[in-house]
Amino acid sequence: MKDAVKVVILSGAISEERDVSLRSGRRAHRILAQHFPTCLIELESNSLPKDLDPRRALIFPLIHGNFGEDGHLQRLLEVDGFIYVGSGIPSMELTINKTLTKNCVAEGGVPVLPQIAFSARKPMEFSFGDLCQRIGARELFLKPNDKGSSLQCYPCRNATQLAEALENVRDGEWVIEALCRGRDLTVGVLHGRALAAVEIRHGDGFFDYDAKYTAGRAEHIVPATIGEDLAFRMRFLAERSFALCHCRDWARVDFILREDGEPFFLELNSIPGFTDTSLFPDSATGCGISPEDCLCALVRGAMERHRQRFL
């Protein structure tokens, strides 16, 4: 097996989602090492490890957030000639940007919530009442335009809460959208085919970082109890979003199911988490695909691209 292609899992790097990335990488390594020559590299910087041969290494990036999901890592990999699991540079550059992603899927017929994007470099021009009127909502939700894992998100139910939230807006691009009451749902997509819809129940607040990654803080209903017709529509919208954003291999699409039963696209995660509390493995399990089979399918798909390139 001297010349066998090795699966090289990359995790870590430097971002606010480093800890989740490390956990994803370690779980994936435990599973994939049973099936392929595999190694795990936990990056300590936002750069590629040295001494990897693109002919002998297939890269499986599990780096969440900036660097891993904004196209930077993929650009470095392509410059050095590596084949890798996941979407390419244009798709990554699009989906890291929530505003551009929502505009893209909305043009393709996927329902989205109204929003206003702004830069922290400029003062917010509108009052709470003005924003509510422009968006058509009674309550607002402030979040970064380019971060995942529900980091730095602020429900704003009145002018005071909005003012307090804006005090934390010091740099970057931000989005204000309607604070929509309803049920949180997510749908994984594997090789262009939607998996099962999963409902996340997490108490009265929004689905924040702690609820996502702390065991017992949220309940995953797999598959979601939403009826066959709505489940079919959710899968269709997830596949449609995946295709419109030119994704490859896998992704996870998040929705809010409004109280009137209408689903709205929230965002697309181009490198879903694979921790013990992550949603993508549950979405796969909900339609009879084990986490093990899911990871192996991703590797085999990329292996075929590797074979076409180098053999």
Protein backbone atom coordinates (compact mmCIF):
# COMPACT_ATOMS: atom_id res chain seq x y z
CA MET A 1 0.00 0.00 0.00
CA LYS A 2 3.05 2.24 -0.34
CA ASP A 3 1.54 4.19 -3.23
CA ALA A 4 -2.02 4.33 -1.87
CA VAL A 5 -3.69 7.71 -1.80
CA LYS A 6 -4.02 8.95 1.78
CA VAL A 7 -7.04 10.87 3.05
CA VAL A 8 -5.67 13.92 4.84
CA ILE A 9 -8.22 15.54 7.14
CA LEU A 10 -7.50 19.19 7.86
CA SER A 11 -9.03 20.73 10.98
CA GLY A 12 -8.35 23.54 13.42
CA ALA A 13 -6.72 26.61 11.86
CA ILE A 14 -7.44 30.03 13.34
CA SER A 15 -11.04 31.16 13.53
CA GLU A 16 -13.79 31.52 16.10
CA GLU A 17 -14.96 28.04 15.13
CA ARG A 18 -11.61 26.33 15.77
CA ASP A 19 -12.86 24.18 18.64
CA VAL A 20 -15.78 22.83 16.62
CA SER A 21 -13.45 22.13 13.70
CA LEU A 22 -11.10 20.12 15.92
CA ARG A 23 -14.00 18.05 17.19
CA SER A 24 -15.29 17.47 13.66
CA GLY A 25 -11.86 16.40 12.46
CA ARG A 26 -11.27 13.95 15.29
CA ARG A 27 -14.62 12.25 14.82
CA ALA A 28 -14.18 11.99 11.05
CA HIS A 29 -10.67 10.58 11.54
CA ARG A 30 -11.91 7.87 13.91
CA ILE A 31 -14.46 6.78 11.31
CA LEU A 32 -12.47 7.10 8.08
CA ALA A 33 -9.33 5.44 9.47
CA GLN A 34 -11.30 2.18 9.51
CA HIS A 35 -11.71 2.33 5.73
CA PHE A 36 -8.88 4.34 4.13
CA PRO A 37 -5.27 5.24 4.82
CA THR A 38 -6.01 8.39 6.79
CA CYS A 39 -4.21 11.04 8.80
CA LEU A 40 -5.46 14.04 10.75
CA ILE A 41 -3.60 17.35 10.67
CA GLU A 42 -4.74 19.96 13.18
CA LEU A 43 -3.54 23.25 11.74
CA GLU A 44 -2.08 25.88 14.04
CA SER A 45 -2.14 28.59 11.39
CA ASN A 46 -4.15 29.52 8.31
CA SER A 47 -1.78 27.86 5.90
CA LEU A 48 -1.29 24.47 4.30
CA PRO A 49 0.97 21.85 5.85
CA LYS A 50 4.20 21.21 4.01
CA ASP A 51 5.48 17.97 2.52
CA LEU A 52 2.14 16.80 1.12
CA ASP A 53 2.13 15.38 -2.39
CA PRO A 54 -1.10 16.09 -4.33
CA ARG A 55 -0.65 12.76 -6.14
CA ARG A 56 -0.62 10.87 -2.86
CA ALA A 57 -2.93 13.00 -0.69
CA LEU A 58 -6.67 13.62 -0.96
CA ILE A 59 -7.66 16.55 1.24
CA PHE A 60 -10.79 16.46 3.41
CA PRO A 61 -11.22 19.99 4.81
CA LEU A 62 -13.18 20.18 8.06
CA ILE A 63 -12.27 23.76 8.88
CA HIS A 64 -15.37 25.77 9.73
CA GLY A 65 -15.74 29.53 9.40
CA ASN A 66 -13.16 31.91 7.98
CA PHE A 67 -10.25 30.39 6.03
CA GLY A 68 -12.03 27.05 5.67
CA GLU A 69 -15.35 28.24 4.26
CA ASP A 70 -14.51 31.53 2.55
CA GLY A 71 -12.49 30.13 -0.36
CA HIS A 72 -9.02 30.89 1.00
CA LEU A 73 -8.16 27.29 1.84
CA GLN A 74 -9.58 26.02 -1.44
CA ARG A 75 -7.51 28.54 -3.38
CA LEU A 76 -4.32 27.34 -1.68
CA LEU A 77 -5.26 23.73 -2.38
CA GLU A 78 -5.94 24.38 -6.05
CA VAL A 79 -2.74 26.37 -6.55
CA ASP A 80 -0.80 23.37 -5.22
CA GLY A 81 -2.80 20.91 -7.32
CA PHE A 82 -4.73 19.08 -4.59
CA ILE A 83 -8.05 17.33 -5.04
CA TYR A 84 -10.33 17.95 -2.07
CA VAL A 85 -13.75 17.16 -0.66
CA GLY A 86 -16.33 19.93 -0.85
CA SER A 87 -17.28 22.94 -2.91
CA GLY A 88 -14.92 24.97 -5.05
CA ILE A 89 -13.73 28.54 -4.70
CA PRO A 90 -16.66 30.44 -6.31
CA SER A 91 -19.24 28.57 -4.25
CA MET A 92 -17.29 29.09 -1.02
CA GLU A 93 -16.84 32.80 -1.68
CA LEU A 94 -20.57 33.09 -2.29
CA THR A 95 -21.93 31.06 0.61
CA ILE A 96 -19.73 32.66 3.28
CA ASN A 97 -21.64 35.85 2.50
CA LYS A 98 -25.18 35.54 3.86
CA THR A 99 -26.50 38.52 1.89
CA LEU A 100 -25.19 37.33 -1.47
CA THR A 101 -26.35 33.78 -0.77
CA LYS A 102 -29.88 34.89 0.08
CA ASN A 103 -30.00 37.07 -3.03
CA CYS A 104 -28.80 34.14 -5.13
CA VAL A 105 -31.35 31.61 -3.87
CA ALA A 106 -34.16 34.18 -3.87
CA GLU A 107 -33.57 34.81 -7.58
CA GLY A 108 -34.03 31.08 -8.05
CA GLY A 109 -37.39 31.03 -6.28
CA VAL A 110 -36.35 29.99 -2.76
CA PRO A 111 -38.26 32.05 -0.15
CA VAL A 112 -36.10 34.23 2.11
CA LEU A 113 -36.75 36.71 4.91
CA PRO A 114 -36.38 40.45 4.17
CA GLN A 115 -33.09 41.90 5.36
CA ILE A 116 -30.90 44.99 5.45
CA ALA A 117 -27.12 44.70 5.14
CA PHE A 118 -24.74 47.34 6.48
CA SER A 119 -21.09 47.90 7.28
CA ALA A 120 -19.82 48.55 10.79
CA ARG A 121 -17.61 51.23 9.29
CA LYS A 122 -20.69 53.40 8.82
CA PRO A 123 -23.21 54.33 11.54
CA MET A 124 -26.62 52.67 11.34
CA GLU A 125 -28.93 55.18 9.64
CA PHE A 126 -32.29 53.81 10.76
CA SER A 127 -34.10 53.65 14.07
CA PHE A 128 -35.65 50.46 15.43
CA GLY A 129 -39.08 51.57 14.21
CA ASP A 130 -37.74 52.47 10.76
CA LEU A 131 -36.02 49.09 10.43
CA CYS A 132 -39.14 47.20 11.48
CA GLN A 133 -41.17 49.11 8.92
CA ARG A 134 -38.65 48.55 6.13
CA ILE A 135 -38.36 44.82 6.87
CA GLY A 136 -42.01 44.30 7.71
CA ALA A 137 -41.46 42.88 11.19
CA ARG A 138 -42.11 43.75 14.82
CA GLU A 139 -38.82 42.32 16.06
CA LEU A 140 -35.34 42.17 14.55
CA PHE A 141 -32.35 39.84 14.45
CA LEU A 142 -28.80 41.16 14.05
CA LYS A 143 -26.04 38.83 12.87
CA PRO A 144 -22.65 38.95 11.10
CA ASN A 145 -22.73 38.57 7.35
CA ASP A 146 -19.86 36.07 7.24
CA LYS A 147 -19.78 33.94 10.40
CA GLY A 148 -21.35 30.62 11.33
CA SER A 149 -22.27 28.67 14.46
CA SER A 150 -24.65 31.48 15.52
CA LEU A 151 -21.71 33.56 16.73
CA GLN A 152 -22.33 37.22 17.61
CA CYS A 153 -26.07 37.04 16.98
CA TYR A 154 -28.51 39.36 18.76
CA PRO A 155 -32.30 39.12 18.96
CA CYS A 156 -33.59 42.71 19.19
CA ARG A 157 -37.15 42.99 20.46
CA ASN A 158 -37.07 46.74 21.14
CA ALA A 159 -35.01 49.87 20.53
CA THR A 160 -32.93 49.36 23.68
CA GLN A 161 -31.85 45.87 22.70
CA LEU A 162 -30.95 47.07 19.21
CA ALA A 163 -28.84 49.90 20.62
CA GLU A 164 -27.03 47.49 22.95
CA ALA A 165 -26.41 45.04 20.11
CA LEU A 166 -25.06 47.74 17.82
CA GLU A 167 -22.50 48.68 20.49
CA ASN A 168 -20.92 45.26 19.82
CA VAL A 169 -20.71 45.91 16.09
CA ARG A 170 -17.14 47.09 15.75
CA ASP A 171 -16.03 45.80 12.35
CA GLY A 172 -17.12 43.74 9.39
CA GLU A 173 -20.36 43.41 7.47
CA TRP A 174 -23.67 42.78 9.24
CA VAL A 175 -27.26 41.83 8.48
CA ILE A 176 -30.53 42.80 10.13
CA GLU A 177 -33.51 40.61 9.30
CA ALA A 178 -36.91 39.84 10.73
CA LEU A 179 -36.90 37.92 14.01
CA CYS A 180 -39.21 35.19 12.81
CA ARG A 181 -40.99 33.02 15.34
CA GLY A 182 -41.28 29.42 14.29
CA ARG A 183 -39.48 26.08 14.17
CA ASP A 184 -35.79 25.67 13.30
CA LEU A 185 -35.21 23.08 10.57
CA THR A 186 -32.18 21.97 8.63
CA VAL A 187 -31.63 19.67 5.65
CA GLY A 188 -28.34 18.06 4.68
CA VAL A 189 -27.47 17.61 1.02
CA LEU A 190 -25.15 14.82 -0.10
CA HIS A 191 -23.95 14.76 -3.72
CA GLY A 192 -26.86 16.97 -4.72
CA ARG A 193 -29.57 14.85 -3.07
CA ALA A 194 -31.37 16.15 -0.01
CA LEU A 195 -31.29 14.07 3.16
CA ALA A 196 -33.91 14.16 5.91
CA ALA A 197 -35.23 17.37 7.45
CA VAL A 198 -34.22 17.71 11.10
CA GLU A 199 -36.03 19.89 13.62
CA ILE A 200 -34.04 21.55 16.41
CA ARG A 201 -35.82 22.22 19.69
CA HIS A 202 -33.85 24.41 22.02
CA GLY A 203 -36.10 26.25 24.47
CA ASP A 204 -37.31 29.83 24.22
CA GLY A 205 -34.19 31.53 22.84
CA PHE A 206 -32.58 31.20 19.43
CA PHE A 207 -30.32 28.31 18.44
CA ASP A 208 -27.04 29.79 19.71
CA TYR A 209 -23.48 28.43 19.88
CA ASP A 210 -23.92 26.77 23.29
CA ALA A 211 -27.17 25.11 22.24
CA LYS A 212 -25.50 23.80 19.08
CA TYR A 213 -22.41 22.27 20.64
CA THR A 214 -23.31 21.40 24.24
CA ALA A 215 -24.82 17.96 24.70
CA GLY A 216 -28.32 18.14 26.14
CA ARG A 217 -28.92 21.82 25.31
CA ALA A 218 -30.95 21.03 22.18
CA GLU A 219 -33.08 18.16 20.96
CA HIS A 220 -32.84 16.95 17.38
CA ILE A 221 -36.08 15.51 15.99
CA VAL A 222 -35.03 13.07 13.25
CA PRO A 223 -36.79 13.15 10.89
CA ALA A 224 -38.76 16.31 11.59
CA THR A 225 -42.46 15.77 12.26
CA ILE A 226 -43.74 18.07 9.52
CA GLY A 227 -45.83 15.85 7.25
CA GLU A 228 -44.87 14.32 3.92
CA ASP A 229 -45.82 17.25 1.70
CA LEU A 230 -43.83 19.80 3.70
CA ALA A 231 -40.90 17.40 4.07
CA PHE A 232 -40.84 16.99 0.28
CA ARG A 233 -40.88 20.77 -0.17
CA MET A 234 -38.05 21.25 2.33
CA ARG A 235 -35.90 18.72 0.51
CA PHE A 236 -36.69 20.39 -2.82
CA LEU A 237 -35.71 23.82 -1.45
CA ALA A 238 -32.48 22.41 -0.02
CA GLU A 239 -31.52 20.79 -3.33
CA ARG A 240 -32.49 23.95 -5.20
CA SER A 241 -30.34 26.11 -2.91
CA PHE A 242 -27.41 23.68 -3.27
CA ALA A 243 -27.64 23.83 -7.06
CA LEU A 244 -28.13 27.60 -7.26
CA CYS A 245 -24.99 28.13 -5.15
CA HIS A 246 -23.03 25.67 -7.33
CA CYS A 247 -22.12 23.54 -4.33
CA ARG A 248 -20.29 20.24 -4.66
CA ASP A 249 -20.30 17.06 -2.54
CA TRP A 250 -22.14 18.26 0.56
CA ALA A 251 -23.73 21.14 2.43
CA ARG A 252 -26.40 21.82 5.03
CA VAL A 253 -29.26 24.26 4.44
CA ASP A 254 -30.94 25.96 7.40
CA PHE A 255 -34.57 27.10 7.40
CA ILE A 256 -37.09 28.70 9.72
CA LEU A 257 -40.60 27.27 9.51
CA ARG A 258 -42.84 30.23 10.26
CA GLU A 259 -45.85 29.76 12.51
CA ASP A 260 -48.13 29.88 9.46
CA GLY A 261 -46.33 26.83 8.05
CA GLU A 262 -44.20 28.65 5.45
CA PRO A 263 -40.47 27.74 5.29
CA PHE A 264 -37.82 30.42 4.72
CA PHE A 265 -34.16 29.92 3.81
CA LEU A 266 -31.71 31.22 6.42
CA GLU A 267 -28.26 30.18 5.24
CA LEU A 268 -26.18 27.46 3.63
CA ASN A 269 -23.28 25.80 5.46
CA SER A 270 -20.67 24.69 2.95
CA ILE A 271 -18.62 22.58 5.43
CA PRO A 272 -21.13 21.22 7.94
CA GLY A 273 -20.03 20.23 11.41
CA PHE A 274 -19.39 16.56 12.10
CA THR A 275 -19.20 16.54 15.89
CA ASP A 276 -21.25 14.27 18.13
CA THR A 277 -23.89 17.03 18.40
CA SER A 278 -23.82 18.17 14.77
CA LEU A 279 -26.87 18.19 12.55
CA PHE A 280 -25.57 16.87 9.23
CA PRO A 281 -24.97 13.32 10.52
CA ASP A 282 -28.50 13.33 11.96
CA SER A 283 -29.92 14.45 8.63
CA ALA A 284 -28.17 11.50 6.97
CA THR A 285 -29.30 9.06 9.66
CA GLY A 286 -32.88 10.27 9.18
CA CYS A 287 -32.94 8.77 5.70
CA GLY A 288 -31.04 5.59 6.54
CA ILE A 289 -27.45 6.67 5.82
CA SER A 290 -25.03 6.19 8.71
CA PRO A 291 -22.38 8.83 9.50
CA GLU A 292 -19.82 6.22 8.44
CA ASP A 293 -21.43 5.68 5.03
CA CYS A 294 -21.84 9.42 4.59
CA LEU A 295 -18.13 10.16 5.13
CA CYS A 296 -17.09 7.24 2.95
CA ALA A 297 -19.36 8.44 0.14
CA LEU A 298 -17.74 11.88 0.29
CA VAL A 299 -14.25 10.39 0.13
CA ARG A 300 -15.11 8.01 -2.71
CA GLY A 301 -16.55 10.87 -4.75
CA ALA A 302 -13.39 12.92 -4.32
CA MET A 303 -11.26 9.82 -4.96
CA GLU A 304 -12.88 9.50 -8.37
CA ARG A 305 -11.90 13.10 -9.17
CA HIS A 306 -8.38 12.27 -7.94
CA ARG A 307 -8.24 9.19 -10.16
CA GLN A 308 -9.34 11.19 -13.21
CA ARG A 309 -6.70 13.83 -12.52
CA PHE A 310 -3.69 11.65 -11.81
CA LEU A 311 -4.24 8.18 -13.27
